[in-house]
Amino acid sequence: MTGYTRPETLDDALALLAQTGGRVAAGCTDLFPATGARALQGPVVDITGLAGLRGVAVTDEGLRIGAATTWTDILRAELPTACDMLKQAAREVGSVQIQNAGTIAGNLCNASPAADGVPCLLALDAEVELASAQGGGDCRWRISLWGRAARR
């Protein structure tokens, strides 16, 4: 693997991704197996150290689950009753080791037909918040059946 970085801020992570075209890494439970290689090729930007991307919080706009939030984090969080199905899905994600490392955003981005959390997020009418190094403000995108994205 070449070019591993672990930025301290979201702005730094976005800048690195824009400059290097690197891959985002968090739980890596699917990223490593999908490569078919002994190591990841190209630059890797590890977002696990970005505190703002991990955890569950109640805000004025509703419930916020950070991209780097693990399934174990979701299981341990005090969630409203409406999220019981999300907790149940979290219990079904792989083994405890996978639950400890795998993230909710990775589950969404993986494009696997077995993405345990996606039906729950669809039923909860969830949105994803996207950010870019180009700025222009963050945008929100309602989770929907975007199509059948093929796994690479």
Foldseek 3Di string as FASTA:
>chain_A
DPAEDEDQEPLVLQVCCVVFVAAEDFLCPPVVVLVPDPDDPGHYYYDNNHVVQQAWDQDPVGIDHGQNHFLVRVLPDDDPPLCVQQVVLSVVPDDVSRRVRPGLNCLVPQLDPPSSNLVSLVVVQHWDWADHNVDPDIDIGTDDCPDRDDGD
